[in-house]
Amino acid sequence: MEILRWLQEWYASQCDGDWEHGSNIRITTIDNPGWGVRINLIDTELENKKFNIIQVDRTEDDWVYCNTENGCFIGAGGTGNLEEILMVFYRWATNN
């Protein structure tokens, strides 16, 4: 499945008239340079799901770090790693 389509569908499935009014999915750039992803898990089925920290350091420009903290999925990575970060979230959220 194409990851952006899946993320859109996951987002839509969380919208309940309230959840979508918060800061729920943010994809930003970071100054390393790279990408940052923050997904609010509060009031979703993933809120209390265990997540094992992922840290992959291939090169200075090719790296990924993902964790959950304070009710959020947090991902960061190099300039070419946005899709990989989103795939980490997908695999965890869907048990794949």
N, C-alpha and C. Protein backbone atom coordinates (compact mmCIF):
# COMPACT_ATOMS: atom_id res chain seq x y z
N MET A 1 0.85 -1.19 0.00
CA MET A 1 0.00 0.00 0.00
C MET A 1 0.89 1.24 0.00
N GLU A 2 0.49 2.21 -0.73
CA GLU A 2 1.23 3.46 -0.78
C GLU A 2 1.07 4.18 0.56
N ILE A 3 2.19 4.57 1.16
CA ILE A 3 2.20 5.03 2.55
C ILE A 3 1.40 6.31 2.77
N LEU A 4 1.44 7.26 1.86
CA LEU A 4 0.67 8.49 2.08
C LEU A 4 -0.84 8.21 2.01
N ARG A 5 -1.24 7.35 1.13
CA ARG A 5 -2.67 6.98 1.07
C ARG A 5 -3.09 6.31 2.37
N TRP A 6 -2.25 5.39 2.88
CA TRP A 6 -2.58 4.73 4.13
C TRP A 6 -2.66 5.74 5.28
N LEU A 7 -1.70 6.68 5.34
CA LEU A 7 -1.71 7.68 6.42
C LEU A 7 -2.96 8.55 6.34
N GLN A 8 -3.36 8.92 5.15
CA GLN A 8 -4.60 9.69 5.00
C GLN A 8 -5.80 8.90 5.52
N GLU A 9 -5.83 7.62 5.20
CA GLU A 9 -6.94 6.77 5.65
C GLU A 9 -6.92 6.60 7.17
N TRP A 10 -5.72 6.43 7.73
CA TRP A 10 -5.61 6.30 9.19
C TRP A 10 -6.08 7.59 9.85
N TYR A 11 -5.64 8.73 9.34
CA TYR A 11 -6.06 10.03 9.88
C TYR A 11 -7.59 10.16 9.83
N ALA A 12 -8.17 9.86 8.68
CA ALA A 12 -9.62 9.99 8.53
C ALA A 12 -10.35 9.08 9.51
N SER A 13 -9.79 7.90 9.77
CA SER A 13 -10.46 6.96 10.69
C SER A 13 -10.39 7.44 12.14
N GLN A 14 -9.49 8.35 12.46
CA GLN A 14 -9.39 8.88 13.82
C GLN A 14 -10.31 10.07 14.05
N CYS A 15 -10.70 10.73 12.96
CA CYS A 15 -11.52 11.94 13.08
C CYS A 15 -12.89 11.60 13.65
N ASP A 16 -13.19 12.22 14.79
CA ASP A 16 -14.44 11.93 15.49
C ASP A 16 -15.19 13.19 15.90
N GLY A 17 -14.80 14.31 15.30
CA GLY A 17 -15.41 15.58 15.67
C GLY A 17 -14.64 16.31 16.75
N ASP A 18 -13.69 15.65 17.37
CA ASP A 18 -12.89 16.25 18.43
C ASP A 18 -11.38 16.06 18.20
N TRP A 19 -10.97 14.81 17.98
CA TRP A 19 -9.54 14.48 17.86
C TRP A 19 -8.84 15.34 16.81
N GLU A 20 -9.48 15.57 15.69
CA GLU A 20 -8.84 16.27 14.58
C GLU A 20 -8.59 17.75 14.84
N HIS A 21 -9.10 18.28 15.95
CA HIS A 21 -8.90 19.70 16.25
C HIS A 21 -7.58 19.98 16.96
N GLY A 22 -6.87 18.94 17.36
CA GLY A 22 -5.57 19.12 18.00
C GLY A 22 -4.45 19.07 16.99
N SER A 23 -3.23 19.13 17.48
CA SER A 23 -2.04 19.01 16.63
C SER A 23 -1.76 17.53 16.45
N ASN A 24 -2.35 16.92 15.46
CA ASN A 24 -2.38 15.48 15.41
C ASN A 24 -1.33 14.82 14.53
N ILE A 25 -1.08 15.34 13.36
CA ILE A 25 0.00 14.82 12.52
C ILE A 25 0.79 16.01 12.01
N ARG A 26 2.08 15.98 12.32
CA ARG A 26 2.96 17.05 11.85
C ARG A 26 4.17 16.44 11.17
N ILE A 27 4.42 16.88 9.96
CA ILE A 27 5.61 16.49 9.23
C ILE A 27 6.37 17.78 8.96
N THR A 28 7.58 17.86 9.49
CA THR A 28 8.36 19.08 9.39
C THR A 28 9.78 18.75 8.94
N THR A 29 10.51 19.78 8.60
CA THR A 29 11.94 19.60 8.36
C THR A 29 12.67 19.95 9.64
N ILE A 30 13.85 19.34 9.80
CA ILE A 30 14.70 19.63 10.96
C ILE A 30 16.04 20.12 10.43
N ASP A 31 16.82 20.71 11.31
CA ASP A 31 18.04 21.39 10.86
C ASP A 31 19.27 20.51 10.74
N ASN A 32 19.13 19.20 10.78
CA ASN A 32 20.30 18.31 10.69
C ASN A 32 20.95 18.27 9.30
N PRO A 33 20.40 18.33 8.16
CA PRO A 33 18.99 18.48 7.81
C PRO A 33 18.30 17.13 7.77
N GLY A 34 16.98 17.18 7.76
CA GLY A 34 16.20 15.95 7.71
C GLY A 34 14.74 16.23 7.95
N TRP A 35 14.06 15.15 8.39
CA TRP A 35 12.61 15.19 8.60
C TRP A 35 12.25 14.88 10.04
N GLY A 36 11.17 15.50 10.49
CA GLY A 36 10.60 15.19 11.79
C GLY A 36 9.12 14.85 11.61
N VAL A 37 8.66 13.82 12.29
CA VAL A 37 7.26 13.41 12.23
C VAL A 37 6.75 13.28 13.66
N ARG A 38 5.59 13.85 13.92
CA ARG A 38 4.96 13.75 15.24
C ARG A 38 3.49 13.43 15.02
N ILE A 39 3.05 12.32 15.60
CA ILE A 39 1.66 11.88 15.43
C ILE A 39 1.04 11.69 16.81
N ASN A 40 0.00 12.44 17.08
CA ASN A 40 -0.71 12.35 18.36
C ASN A 40 -1.46 11.02 18.43
N LEU A 41 -1.20 10.28 19.47
CA LEU A 41 -1.85 8.98 19.65
C LEU A 41 -2.95 9.00 20.71
N ILE A 42 -3.07 10.11 21.43
CA ILE A 42 -4.06 10.21 22.50
C ILE A 42 -5.46 10.06 21.93
N ASP A 43 -6.26 9.25 22.58
CA ASP A 43 -7.63 8.93 22.16
C ASP A 43 -7.68 8.14 20.86
N THR A 44 -6.59 7.40 20.57
CA THR A 44 -6.60 6.45 19.45
C THR A 44 -6.35 5.06 20.02
N GLU A 45 -6.54 4.05 19.20
CA GLU A 45 -6.28 2.68 19.64
C GLU A 45 -4.80 2.43 19.90
N LEU A 46 -3.93 3.34 19.49
CA LEU A 46 -2.49 3.18 19.66
C LEU A 46 -1.94 3.86 20.91
N GLU A 47 -2.77 4.57 21.63
CA GLU A 47 -2.32 5.39 22.75
C GLU A 47 -1.46 4.62 23.75
N ASN A 48 -1.82 3.41 24.09
CA ASN A 48 -1.08 2.65 25.10
C ASN A 48 -0.32 1.45 24.52
N LYS A 49 -0.19 1.40 23.21
CA LYS A 49 0.49 0.28 22.57
C LYS A 49 2.00 0.41 22.75
N LYS A 50 2.63 -0.69 23.13
CA LYS A 50 4.08 -0.70 23.35
C LYS A 50 4.82 -0.47 22.04
N PHE A 51 5.87 0.34 22.12
CA PHE A 51 6.72 0.62 20.97
C PHE A 51 8.17 0.44 21.39
N ASN A 52 8.92 -0.30 20.63
CA ASN A 52 10.35 -0.47 20.88
C ASN A 52 11.11 0.58 20.07
N ILE A 53 11.93 1.35 20.75
CA ILE A 53 12.70 2.40 20.09
C ILE A 53 13.44 1.84 18.89
N ILE A 54 13.41 2.59 17.81
CA ILE A 54 14.16 2.23 16.61
C ILE A 54 15.21 3.30 16.38
N GLN A 55 16.45 2.88 16.27
CA GLN A 55 17.54 3.80 15.98
C GLN A 55 18.45 3.13 14.96
N VAL A 56 18.53 3.73 13.78
CA VAL A 56 19.35 3.21 12.69
C VAL A 56 20.28 4.34 12.25
N ASP A 57 21.56 4.11 12.36
CA ASP A 57 22.56 5.10 11.94
C ASP A 57 23.41 4.50 10.83
N ARG A 58 23.01 4.74 9.59
CA ARG A 58 23.77 4.20 8.46
C ARG A 58 24.92 5.13 8.09
N THR A 59 24.57 6.41 7.88
CA THR A 59 25.57 7.43 7.59
C THR A 59 25.09 8.72 8.24
N GLU A 60 25.87 9.76 8.08
CA GLU A 60 25.51 11.07 8.64
C GLU A 60 24.19 11.58 8.03
N ASP A 61 23.91 11.20 6.78
CA ASP A 61 22.71 11.67 6.09
C ASP A 61 21.60 10.62 6.01
N ASP A 62 21.89 9.40 6.42
CA ASP A 62 20.94 8.29 6.28
C ASP A 62 20.75 7.65 7.65
N TRP A 63 19.74 8.13 8.36
CA TRP A 63 19.50 7.67 9.73
C TRP A 63 18.01 7.81 10.06
N VAL A 64 17.57 7.03 11.04
CA VAL A 64 16.18 7.07 11.49
C VAL A 64 16.15 6.84 13.00
N TYR A 65 15.34 7.62 13.68
CA TYR A 65 15.08 7.42 15.10
C TYR A 65 13.58 7.55 15.30
N CYS A 66 12.96 6.54 15.92
CA CYS A 66 11.53 6.57 16.19
C CYS A 66 11.27 6.09 17.61
N ASN A 67 10.29 6.71 18.25
CA ASN A 67 9.93 6.38 19.62
C ASN A 67 8.50 6.86 19.87
N THR A 68 7.94 6.46 20.98
CA THR A 68 6.70 7.06 21.44
C THR A 68 6.98 7.69 22.80
N GLU A 69 6.43 8.86 23.00
CA GLU A 69 6.56 9.53 24.30
C GLU A 69 5.44 10.55 24.45
N ASN A 70 4.97 10.68 25.67
CA ASN A 70 3.91 11.64 25.99
C ASN A 70 2.72 11.53 25.05
N GLY A 71 2.33 10.30 24.71
CA GLY A 71 1.16 10.10 23.88
C GLY A 71 1.35 10.40 22.40
N CYS A 72 2.61 10.44 21.96
CA CYS A 72 2.89 10.74 20.55
C CYS A 72 3.90 9.76 19.97
N PHE A 73 3.74 9.46 18.70
CA PHE A 73 4.78 8.80 17.93
C PHE A 73 5.71 9.91 17.45
N ILE A 74 7.00 9.74 17.69
CA ILE A 74 8.01 10.72 17.30
C ILE A 74 8.97 10.03 16.35
N GLY A 75 9.17 10.59 15.17
CA GLY A 75 10.13 10.04 14.23
C GLY A 75 11.00 11.15 13.68
N ALA A 76 12.25 10.82 13.42
CA ALA A 76 13.17 11.76 12.80
C ALA A 76 14.12 10.98 11.91
N GLY A 77 14.63 11.64 10.90
CA GLY A 77 15.56 10.96 10.01
C GLY A 77 16.20 11.91 9.03
N GLY A 78 17.10 11.38 8.26
CA GLY A 78 17.82 12.16 7.27
C GLY A 78 16.92 12.63 6.13
N THR A 79 17.52 13.37 5.20
CA THR A 79 16.74 13.99 4.13
C THR A 79 16.04 12.97 3.23
N GLY A 80 16.55 11.77 3.13
CA GLY A 80 15.94 10.75 2.30
C GLY A 80 15.16 9.71 3.07
N ASN A 81 14.84 9.98 4.34
CA ASN A 81 14.25 8.95 5.19
C ASN A 81 12.80 9.20 5.62
N LEU A 82 12.12 10.16 5.02
CA LEU A 82 10.73 10.43 5.42
C LEU A 82 9.84 9.21 5.20
N GLU A 83 9.92 8.60 4.04
CA GLU A 83 9.08 7.43 3.78
C GLU A 83 9.39 6.30 4.76
N GLU A 84 10.66 6.12 5.10
CA GLU A 84 11.03 5.07 6.05
C GLU A 84 10.42 5.34 7.43
N ILE A 85 10.43 6.58 7.87
CA ILE A 85 9.82 6.94 9.16
C ILE A 85 8.33 6.60 9.14
N LEU A 86 7.65 6.99 8.06
CA LEU A 86 6.22 6.71 7.95
C LEU A 86 5.95 5.21 7.89
N MET A 87 6.85 4.46 7.26
CA MET A 87 6.70 3.00 7.21
C MET A 87 6.88 2.37 8.59
N VAL A 88 7.76 2.93 9.41
CA VAL A 88 7.91 2.45 10.79
C VAL A 88 6.58 2.62 11.52
N PHE A 89 5.97 3.79 11.37
CA PHE A 89 4.68 4.03 12.01
C PHE A 89 3.63 3.05 11.48
N TYR A 90 3.58 2.87 10.18
CA TYR A 90 2.62 1.95 9.57
C TYR A 90 2.78 0.53 10.11
N ARG A 91 4.02 0.02 10.10
CA ARG A 91 4.25 -1.35 10.54
C ARG A 91 3.84 -1.53 12.01
N TRP A 92 4.16 -0.55 12.83
CA TRP A 92 3.80 -0.63 14.25
C TRP A 92 2.28 -0.54 14.43
N ALA A 93 1.66 0.41 13.74
CA ALA A 93 0.23 0.62 13.90
C ALA A 93 -0.59 -0.57 13.41
N THR A 94 -0.08 -1.28 12.41
CA THR A 94 -0.84 -2.38 11.80
C THR A 94 -0.29 -3.75 12.18
N ASN A 95 0.73 -3.79 13.03
CA ASN A 95 1.38 -5.03 13.42
C ASN A 95 2.01 -5.76 12.24
N ASN A 96 2.45 -5.04 11.22
CA ASN A 96 3.12 -5.64 10.06
C ASN A 96 4.62 -5.50 10.17
